[in-house]
């Protein structure tokens, strides 16, 4: 009888501990998904109008930000009043079926869309809510070849208990893309050799290393370095460059020893390279 009572006590304790963890996650992270619930940021004018359908790709990396785990077709459908944005988002599976509808809200501020998903309205997969993650963050608004683009990285939190989702995500979507019978391929096919576009020398390095790349035509270039926690430690390039070869120096500075992820965007196409800092 004592053994049963003790076992029951342990189970009760574990249950309370798990409930406490859920409650703590919820209280700590809930604010991340309620930033745009009020109208405090409302303005009756906005630099951009994002109304309509945006179609593109969401890439989910492993938690190191190095290896691609999965790619999804992703769709945003927005309505805009002043600078306030509301709408829905959903992804498509490999058979191009719609799954996982989310309500979304946010604001257009300058050249960015600040957004958060806050409600799962329907799901195709018969699985618990906890597998779904609410996205929140900022997407950059840019114009490429007369086509508007939203792109960027963001955080996400589990719909069930608001714990941080561990996948590292990047999204690129395009304005007013028609819904095709056979969905367009928005994966990052490219004329560039993904393995050799970015050259790093030396690696490993101690004080500094040189990051080199060659582009075949004029392009919008962004070159950043991140640690494996997803923190940006250096922004080296963010401009339009003419075709040719370019080099940038990454200084070790006060960054600790370890692996870092070099991310190069060429007109929205993402290329990565890992570099190792030794001290």
Protein backbone atom coordinates (compact mmCIF):
# COMPACT_ATOMS: atom_id res chain seq x y z
CA UNK A 1 0.00 0.00 0.00
CA UNK A 2 2.86 2.33 0.86
CA UNK A 3 4.53 1.53 -2.47
CA UNK A 4 1.35 2.39 -4.36
CA UNK A 5 0.94 5.62 -2.38
CA UNK A 6 4.56 6.58 -3.02
CA UNK A 7 4.19 5.79 -6.76
CA UNK A 8 0.99 7.81 -6.91
CA UNK A 9 2.76 10.70 -5.17
CA UNK A 10 5.61 10.59 -7.71
CA UNK A 11 3.16 10.59 -10.61
CA UNK A 12 1.27 13.50 -9.08
CA UNK A 13 4.52 15.40 -8.62
CA UNK A 14 5.56 14.76 -12.22
CA UNK A 15 2.14 15.86 -13.41
CA UNK A 16 2.35 19.06 -11.38
CA UNK A 17 5.91 19.67 -12.60
CA UNK A 18 4.85 19.27 -16.23
CA UNK A 19 1.88 21.56 -15.66
CA UNK A 20 4.20 24.09 -14.05
CA UNK A 21 6.55 23.97 -17.05
CA UNK A 22 3.63 24.52 -19.44
CA UNK A 23 2.36 27.40 -17.31
CA UNK A 24 5.84 28.95 -17.21
CA UNK A 25 6.29 28.62 -20.99
CA UNK A 26 2.87 30.13 -21.52
CA UNK A 27 3.43 33.10 -19.21
CA UNK A 28 6.96 33.81 -20.47
CA UNK A 29 6.24 33.54 -24.19
CA UNK A 30 2.60 34.57 -24.49
CA UNK A 31 3.62 38.20 -24.92
CA UNK A 32 5.58 37.25 -28.04
CA UNK A 33 2.29 36.34 -29.73
CA UNK A 34 0.27 39.29 -28.44
CA UNK A 35 2.44 42.17 -29.64
CA UNK A 36 -0.06 43.18 -32.32
CA UNK A 37 -3.31 42.40 -30.52
CA UNK A 38 -3.97 46.08 -29.74
CA UNK A 39 -4.18 49.05 -32.13
CA UNK A 40 -1.29 50.97 -30.55
CA UNK A 41 0.77 50.78 -33.74
CA UNK A 42 -2.10 51.72 -36.06
CA UNK A 43 -1.52 54.44 -38.65
CA UNK A 44 -3.98 55.34 -41.39
CA UNK A 45 -1.12 55.53 -43.89
CA UNK A 46 1.50 52.97 -44.89
CA UNK A 47 4.46 52.95 -47.27
CA UNK A 48 3.36 49.61 -48.76
CA UNK A 49 0.09 47.80 -49.40
CA UNK A 50 0.47 44.05 -48.87
CA UNK A 51 -3.18 43.18 -49.59
CA UNK A 52 -3.67 40.03 -51.63
CA UNK A 53 -2.09 36.62 -51.96
CA UNK A 54 1.61 35.91 -51.48
CA UNK A 55 3.00 32.51 -52.47
CA UNK A 56 6.47 31.11 -51.90
CA UNK A 57 8.64 28.78 -49.86
CA UNK A 58 9.31 28.18 -46.18
CA UNK A 59 12.60 26.44 -45.44
CA UNK A 60 13.02 24.77 -42.06
CA UNK A 61 16.59 24.10 -40.92
CA UNK A 62 17.82 22.03 -38.03
CA UNK A 63 18.43 23.94 -34.82
CA UNK A 64 22.02 24.71 -35.85
CA UNK A 65 20.78 26.58 -38.92
CA UNK A 66 23.02 24.47 -41.15
CA UNK A 67 21.02 21.62 -42.66
CA UNK A 68 17.68 21.88 -44.46
CA UNK A 69 15.09 19.60 -42.83
CA UNK A 70 12.08 20.33 -45.04
CA UNK A 71 10.65 22.81 -47.54
CA UNK A 72 7.00 23.79 -47.77
CA UNK A 73 4.96 25.85 -50.18
CA UNK A 74 3.57 28.63 -47.99
CA UNK A 75 0.72 31.06 -48.72
CA UNK A 76 -0.24 34.33 -47.03
CA UNK A 77 -3.57 36.03 -47.79
CA UNK A 78 -3.65 39.58 -46.40
CA UNK A 79 -6.14 42.41 -46.02
CA UNK A 80 -4.83 45.85 -45.08
CA UNK A 81 -6.49 48.84 -43.39
CA UNK A 82 -4.07 51.74 -43.09
CA UNK A 83 -0.94 49.99 -41.89
CA UNK A 84 -2.84 47.22 -40.06
CA UNK A 85 -2.73 43.76 -41.65
CA UNK A 86 -5.00 40.79 -40.97
CA UNK A 87 -5.46 37.52 -42.82
CA UNK A 88 -4.54 33.86 -42.96
CA UNK A 89 -1.50 31.73 -43.65
CA UNK A 90 -1.23 28.09 -44.61
CA UNK A 91 1.25 25.58 -45.96
CA UNK A 92 0.96 22.82 -48.56
CA UNK A 93 2.16 19.24 -48.30
CA UNK A 94 4.06 17.33 -51.01
CA UNK A 95 0.78 16.64 -52.83
CA UNK A 96 0.05 20.39 -52.75
CA UNK A 97 -2.89 19.96 -50.38
CA UNK A 98 -3.61 22.87 -48.05
CA UNK A 99 -2.84 22.15 -44.38
CA UNK A 100 -2.63 24.12 -41.17
CA UNK A 101 -4.61 27.36 -41.56
CA UNK A 102 -3.55 30.12 -39.14
CA UNK A 103 -5.02 33.53 -38.43
CA UNK A 104 -2.38 36.24 -38.75
CA UNK A 105 -2.15 39.93 -37.81
CA UNK A 106 0.42 42.69 -37.77
CA UNK A 107 1.50 46.06 -39.14
CA UNK A 108 3.43 47.44 -42.10
CA UNK A 109 6.07 49.76 -40.66
CA UNK A 110 8.51 51.26 -43.13
CA UNK A 111 9.84 48.50 -45.37
CA UNK A 112 8.91 45.67 -43.00
CA UNK A 113 5.86 43.59 -42.18
CA UNK A 114 5.74 42.94 -38.43
CA UNK A 115 3.46 39.94 -37.91
CA UNK A 116 2.31 37.14 -35.64
CA UNK A 117 0.15 34.06 -36.07
CA UNK A 118 -2.17 33.66 -33.12
CA UNK A 119 -4.85 31.05 -33.86
CA UNK A 120 -4.97 27.66 -35.59
CA UNK A 121 -8.32 27.60 -37.41
CA UNK A 122 -8.10 24.25 -39.20
CA UNK A 123 -5.65 21.43 -39.86
CA UNK A 124 -5.48 18.63 -42.39
CA UNK A 125 -3.28 16.37 -40.29
CA UNK A 126 -5.07 14.54 -37.48
CA UNK A 127 -2.48 15.37 -34.86
CA UNK A 128 -2.58 17.32 -31.58
CA UNK A 129 -2.31 21.11 -31.63
CA UNK A 130 1.07 20.92 -29.99
CA UNK A 131 2.82 19.99 -33.27
CA UNK A 132 1.89 23.35 -34.80
CA UNK A 133 4.02 26.43 -34.28
CA UNK A 134 2.87 30.04 -34.44
CA UNK A 135 5.30 32.19 -36.44
CA UNK A 136 6.17 35.72 -35.35
CA UNK A 137 8.75 38.23 -36.54
CA UNK A 138 9.57 40.69 -39.30
CA UNK A 139 9.63 40.18 -43.06
CA UNK A 140 11.49 42.60 -45.34
CA UNK A 141 9.54 44.16 -48.22
CA UNK A 142 11.67 44.51 -51.35
CA UNK A 143 11.06 44.89 -55.07
CA UNK A 144 12.89 42.52 -57.41
CA UNK A 145 12.40 42.64 -61.17
CA UNK A 146 9.14 44.61 -60.73
CA UNK A 147 7.82 41.96 -58.35
CA UNK A 148 7.25 42.56 -54.65
CA UNK A 149 8.88 40.13 -52.26
CA UNK A 150 8.54 39.42 -48.53
CA UNK A 151 11.47 37.57 -47.01
CA UNK A 152 13.15 36.95 -43.70
CA UNK A 153 13.68 34.76 -40.66
CA UNK A 154 11.37 34.52 -37.68
CA UNK A 155 10.77 32.91 -34.33
CA UNK A 156 8.00 30.42 -33.64
CA UNK A 157 6.21 29.11 -30.58
CA UNK A 158 4.25 25.90 -30.03
CA UNK A 159 0.49 26.41 -30.29
CA UNK A 160 -0.06 24.10 -27.33
CA UNK A 161 2.11 25.61 -24.58
CA UNK A 162 4.00 28.49 -26.30
CA UNK A 163 7.40 26.87 -25.79
CA UNK A 164 9.92 28.00 -28.44
CA UNK A 165 9.98 25.77 -31.52
CA UNK A 166 13.55 24.71 -32.19
CA UNK A 167 13.58 24.75 -35.98
CA UNK A 168 15.28 27.66 -37.71
CA UNK A 169 13.08 29.03 -40.52
CA UNK A 170 13.42 31.28 -43.54
CA UNK A 171 10.61 32.36 -45.85
CA UNK A 172 10.45 34.02 -49.27
CA UNK A 173 7.05 34.84 -50.78
CA UNK A 174 6.03 36.84 -53.84
CA UNK A 175 3.10 39.20 -54.38
CA UNK A 176 0.07 38.29 -56.49
CA UNK A 177 1.32 34.90 -57.61
CA UNK A 178 -1.60 33.12 -59.30
CA UNK A 179 -2.62 29.80 -57.79
CA UNK A 180 -1.48 27.39 -60.54
CA UNK A 181 -2.98 24.00 -61.32
CA UNK A 182 0.52 22.60 -60.91
CA UNK A 183 2.13 24.83 -58.27
CA UNK A 184 5.16 26.80 -59.37
CA UNK A 185 8.50 25.57 -58.15
CA UNK A 186 9.70 28.16 -55.67
CA UNK A 187 12.57 26.04 -54.41
CA UNK A 188 15.98 27.57 -54.72
CA UNK A 189 17.08 26.24 -58.09
CA UNK A 190 20.02 28.27 -59.30
CA UNK A 191 22.76 28.52 -61.86
CA UNK A 192 25.22 28.90 -58.98
CA UNK A 193 27.08 25.97 -57.48
CA UNK A 194 25.71 26.01 -53.95
CA UNK A 195 28.73 24.19 -52.51
CA UNK A 196 31.34 26.48 -54.05
CA UNK A 197 29.71 29.91 -54.32
CA UNK A 198 31.06 31.02 -50.93
CA UNK A 199 34.80 30.59 -50.36
CA UNK A 200 36.21 30.93 -46.83
CA UNK A 201 39.95 31.23 -46.15
CA UNK A 202 41.36 30.40 -43.76
CA UNK A 203 39.01 28.05 -41.94
CA UNK A 204 39.47 27.29 -39.12
CA UNK A 205 40.73 30.81 -38.28
CA UNK A 206 41.79 32.75 -35.19
CA UNK A 207 41.62 36.51 -35.74
CA UNK A 208 39.96 37.01 -39.10
CA UNK A 209 38.95 35.19 -42.25
CA UNK A 210 38.02 36.28 -45.77
CA UNK A 211 34.64 35.44 -47.29
CA UNK A 212 34.65 35.51 -51.11
CA UNK A 213 31.92 35.03 -53.70
CA UNK A 214 31.38 35.67 -57.41
CA UNK A 215 28.06 36.74 -58.95
CA UNK A 216 27.30 36.31 -62.64
CA UNK A 217 25.03 39.36 -62.92
CA UNK A 218 23.98 42.46 -61.01
CA UNK A 219 22.10 41.35 -57.90
CA UNK A 220 20.79 42.37 -54.49
CA UNK A 221 23.33 40.95 -52.03
CA UNK A 222 23.11 40.34 -48.31
CA UNK A 223 26.00 38.70 -46.47
CA UNK A 224 25.68 37.92 -42.75
CA UNK A 225 27.33 35.70 -40.16
CA UNK A 226 25.31 33.94 -37.44
CA UNK A 227 26.27 31.84 -34.46
CA UNK A 228 24.60 28.45 -34.05
CA UNK A 229 22.04 29.92 -31.64
CA UNK A 230 20.65 31.97 -34.51
CA UNK A 231 22.15 35.28 -33.31
CA UNK A 232 23.52 37.58 -36.01
CA UNK A 233 27.12 38.45 -35.14
CA UNK A 234 28.06 40.38 -38.29
CA UNK A 235 26.32 42.08 -41.21
CA UNK A 236 28.94 42.50 -43.92
CA UNK A 237 26.97 43.42 -47.06
CA UNK A 238 23.45 44.68 -47.71
CA UNK A 239 23.33 46.38 -51.09
CA UNK A 240 23.03 45.86 -54.83
CA UNK A 241 26.30 44.81 -56.47
CA UNK A 242 27.42 44.53 -60.08
CA UNK A 243 28.53 41.19 -61.45
CA UNK A 244 32.03 40.20 -60.41
CA UNK A 245 34.07 38.81 -57.53
CA UNK A 246 33.80 40.24 -54.01
CA UNK A 247 35.58 39.64 -50.71
CA UNK A 248 34.69 40.65 -47.16
CA UNK A 249 36.65 40.18 -43.95
CA UNK A 250 34.97 38.64 -40.91
CA UNK A 251 36.71 39.68 -37.69
CA UNK A 252 36.64 37.31 -34.73
CA UNK A 253 36.38 40.17 -32.26
CA UNK A 254 34.96 39.07 -28.91
CA UNK A 255 33.04 36.15 -30.38
CA UNK A 256 33.74 32.82 -28.64
CA UNK A 257 35.37 29.86 -30.35
CA UNK A 258 33.01 27.59 -32.26
CA UNK A 259 31.19 27.14 -35.54
CA UNK A 260 29.48 30.02 -37.35
CA UNK A 261 27.10 30.09 -40.29
CA UNK A 262 27.82 32.36 -43.25
CA UNK A 263 24.58 33.26 -45.07
CA UNK A 264 24.64 34.82 -48.53
CA UNK A 265 21.46 35.99 -50.27
CA UNK A 266 21.69 36.60 -54.03
CA UNK A 267 18.40 38.18 -55.19
CA UNK A 268 16.63 36.32 -52.41
CA UNK A 269 18.32 32.95 -53.02
CA UNK A 270 20.01 31.63 -49.90
CA UNK A 271 23.46 30.01 -49.79
CA UNK A 272 25.26 28.94 -46.63
CA UNK A 273 28.73 27.97 -45.52
CA UNK A 274 30.08 26.94 -42.14
CA UNK A 275 33.23 28.48 -40.70
CA UNK A 276 35.13 27.55 -37.53
CA UNK A 277 36.69 30.06 -35.13
CA UNK A 278 39.54 28.83 -32.91
CA UNK A 279 40.98 30.71 -29.94
